[in-house]
Amino acid sequence: MPNRTRIDLLPIQEAVATASPGAWRDGLVAARDADTVTVALLDGHEAVLGTRAAPAVGEPVAVHLVAEIVALGGAWYAARPVVR
C-alpha cells in the first residue's frame, strides 16, 4: 500500500477507494471557502465538498465521490458532498 497521509479518513473510506480505483475523477479547484472546496471535474460536472483540505484555486485534485475522499498531492482528506 502506498505511503500517504490520511486526514479525517475512516478505514472504510480507504478500503472503498482502494477497491474501486476506477471511481476516481480528476478536476481543478474552482473555489474554496473556509470549510468547502468546489471542484470542476474534467468530465464536465462539479462537486462541492465539505473538507479540511485547503488547495489553492486552480490546483489539480482527484475526487472519489463514492468513498468521499479528495486527494491533494500525497494526502487523502475526507470530503463529504454538500447538498445545496
C-alpha atoms as a PDB file:
ATOM      1  CA  MET A   1       0.000   0.000   0.000  1.00  0.00           C
ATOM      2  CA  PRO A   2       1.389   3.447  -0.908  1.00  0.00           C
ATOM      3  CA  ASN A   3       2.550   5.689   1.880  1.00  0.00           C
ATOM      4  CA  ARG A   4       0.103   8.577   2.049  1.00  0.00           C
ATOM      5  CA  THR A   5      -1.141  10.985   4.677  1.00  0.00           C
ATOM      6  CA  ARG A   6      -4.747  10.470   5.763  1.00  0.00           C
ATOM      7  CA  ILE A   7      -6.761  13.358   7.226  1.00  0.00           C
ATOM      8  CA  ASP A   8     -10.083  12.571   8.969  1.00  0.00           C
ATOM      9  CA  LEU A   9     -10.339   9.403   6.875  1.00  0.00           C
ATOM     10  CA  LEU A  10     -12.168   6.322   8.137  1.00  0.00           C
ATOM     11  CA  PRO A  11     -10.674   2.907   7.327  1.00  0.00           C
ATOM     12  CA  ILE A  12     -13.777   2.017   5.289  1.00  0.00           C
ATOM     13  CA  GLN A  13     -13.237   5.063   3.081  1.00  0.00           C
ATOM     14  CA  GLU A  14      -9.707   3.962   2.257  1.00  0.00           C
ATOM     15  CA  ALA A  15     -10.906   0.396   1.652  1.00  0.00           C
ATOM     16  CA  VAL A  16     -13.627   1.574  -0.756  1.00  0.00           C
ATOM     17  CA  ALA A  17     -11.231   3.864  -2.649  1.00  0.00           C
ATOM     18  CA  THR A  18      -8.625   1.131  -2.935  1.00  0.00           C
ATOM     19  CA  ALA A  19     -11.193  -1.433  -4.072  1.00  0.00           C
ATOM     20  CA  SER A  20     -12.694   0.850  -6.734  1.00  0.00           C
ATOM     21  CA  PRO A  21      -9.843   2.753  -8.399  1.00  0.00           C
ATOM     22  CA  GLY A  22     -11.962   3.481 -11.478  1.00  0.00           C
ATOM     23  CA  ALA A  23     -14.214   5.784  -9.451  1.00  0.00           C
ATOM     24  CA  TRP A  24     -11.548   8.491  -9.038  1.00  0.00           C
ATOM     25  CA  ARG A  25     -12.274  11.681 -11.017  1.00  0.00           C
ATOM     26  CA  ASP A  26      -9.713  14.364 -11.793  1.00  0.00           C
ATOM     27  CA  GLY A  27     -10.538  18.021 -11.533  1.00  0.00           C
ATOM     28  CA  LEU A  28      -9.383  21.539 -10.788  1.00  0.00           C
ATOM     29  CA  VAL A  29     -10.327  23.527  -7.720  1.00  0.00           C
ATOM     30  CA  ALA A  30     -12.793  26.183  -8.861  1.00  0.00           C
ATOM     31  CA  ALA A  31     -13.456  27.789  -5.464  1.00  0.00           C
ATOM     32  CA  ARG A  32     -12.537  27.393  -1.830  1.00  0.00           C
ATOM     33  CA  ASP A  33     -14.247  28.638   1.313  1.00  0.00           C
ATOM     34  CA  ALA A  34     -13.347  28.041   4.938  1.00  0.00           C
ATOM     35  CA  ASP A  35     -14.783  24.511   5.020  1.00  0.00           C
ATOM     36  CA  THR A  36     -15.744  23.678   1.421  1.00  0.00           C
ATOM     37  CA  VAL A  37     -13.999  23.086  -1.863  1.00  0.00           C
ATOM     38  CA  THR A  38     -15.691  23.304  -5.249  1.00  0.00           C
ATOM     39  CA  VAL A  39     -14.052  21.085  -7.856  1.00  0.00           C
ATOM     40  CA  ALA A  40     -14.665  21.435 -11.587  1.00  0.00           C
ATOM     41  CA  LEU A  41     -14.330  17.807 -12.650  1.00  0.00           C
ATOM     42  CA  LEU A  42     -12.765  17.119 -16.029  1.00  0.00           C
ATOM     43  CA  ASP A  43     -15.899  15.188 -17.073  1.00  0.00           C
ATOM     44  CA  GLY A  44     -17.843  18.486 -17.015  1.00  0.00           C
ATOM     45  CA  HIS A  45     -19.534  18.035 -13.625  1.00  0.00           C
ATOM     46  CA  GLU A  46     -18.958  19.969 -10.437  1.00  0.00           C
ATOM     47  CA  ALA A  47     -18.505  18.661  -6.895  1.00  0.00           C
ATOM     48  CA  VAL A  48     -18.932  20.784  -3.778  1.00  0.00           C
ATOM     49  CA  LEU A  49     -17.282  19.056  -0.845  1.00  0.00           C
ATOM     50  CA  GLY A  50     -17.040  19.756   2.859  1.00  0.00           C
ATOM     51  CA  THR A  51     -13.414  19.034   3.755  1.00  0.00           C
ATOM     52  CA  ARG A  52     -10.376  20.136   5.729  1.00  0.00           C
ATOM     53  CA  ALA A  53      -8.316  20.087   2.516  1.00  0.00           C
ATOM     54  CA  ALA A  54      -7.052  23.540   1.613  1.00  0.00           C
ATOM     55  CA  PRO A  55      -5.993  23.501  -2.040  1.00  0.00           C
ATOM     56  CA  ALA A  56      -5.493  26.721  -3.958  1.00  0.00           C
ATOM     57  CA  VAL A  57      -7.937  27.734  -6.673  1.00  0.00           C
ATOM     58  CA  GLY A  58      -6.742  26.173  -9.926  1.00  0.00           C
ATOM     59  CA  GLU A  59      -4.884  23.336  -8.189  1.00  0.00           C
ATOM     60  CA  PRO A  60      -5.425  19.832  -9.578  1.00  0.00           C
ATOM     61  CA  VAL A  61      -7.066  17.282  -7.264  1.00  0.00           C
ATOM     62  CA  ALA A  62      -8.626  13.848  -7.538  1.00  0.00           C
ATOM     63  CA  VAL A  63     -12.054  13.113  -6.079  1.00  0.00           C
ATOM     64  CA  HIS A  64     -13.536   9.722  -5.156  1.00  0.00           C
ATOM     65  CA  LEU A  65     -17.225  10.531  -4.728  1.00  0.00           C
ATOM     66  CA  VAL A  66     -18.202   7.021  -3.586  1.00  0.00           C
ATOM     67  CA  ALA A  67     -15.588   6.899  -0.811  1.00  0.00           C
ATOM     68  CA  GLU A  68     -15.971  10.644  -0.117  1.00  0.00           C
ATOM     69  CA  ILE A  69     -12.275  11.462  -0.478  1.00  0.00           C
ATOM     70  CA  VAL A  70     -10.336  14.278  -2.086  1.00  0.00           C
ATOM     71  CA  ALA A  71      -6.683  13.619  -2.892  1.00  0.00           C
ATOM     72  CA  LEU A  72      -4.322  16.550  -2.822  1.00  0.00           C
ATOM     73  CA  GLY A  73      -0.762  15.592  -3.634  1.00  0.00           C
ATOM     74  CA  GLY A  74       0.124  12.623  -1.431  1.00  0.00           C
ATOM     75  CA  ALA A  75      -2.634  13.292   1.104  1.00  0.00           C
ATOM     76  CA  TRP A  76      -6.181  11.924   1.237  1.00  0.00           C
ATOM     77  CA  TYR A  77      -8.825  14.003   3.034  1.00  0.00           C
ATOM     78  CA  ALA A  78     -12.366  13.093   3.993  1.00  0.00           C
ATOM     79  CA  ALA A  79     -14.679  15.080   1.712  1.00  0.00           C
ATOM     80  CA  ARG A  80     -18.434  14.955   2.227  1.00  0.00           C
ATOM     81  CA  PRO A  81     -20.682  16.176  -0.604  1.00  0.00           C
ATOM     82  CA  VAL A  82     -22.511  19.382   0.258  1.00  0.00           C
ATOM     83  CA  VAL A  83     -26.207  19.351  -0.606  1.00  0.00           C
ATOM     84  CA  ARG A  84     -27.421  22.721  -1.817  1.00  0.00           C
END
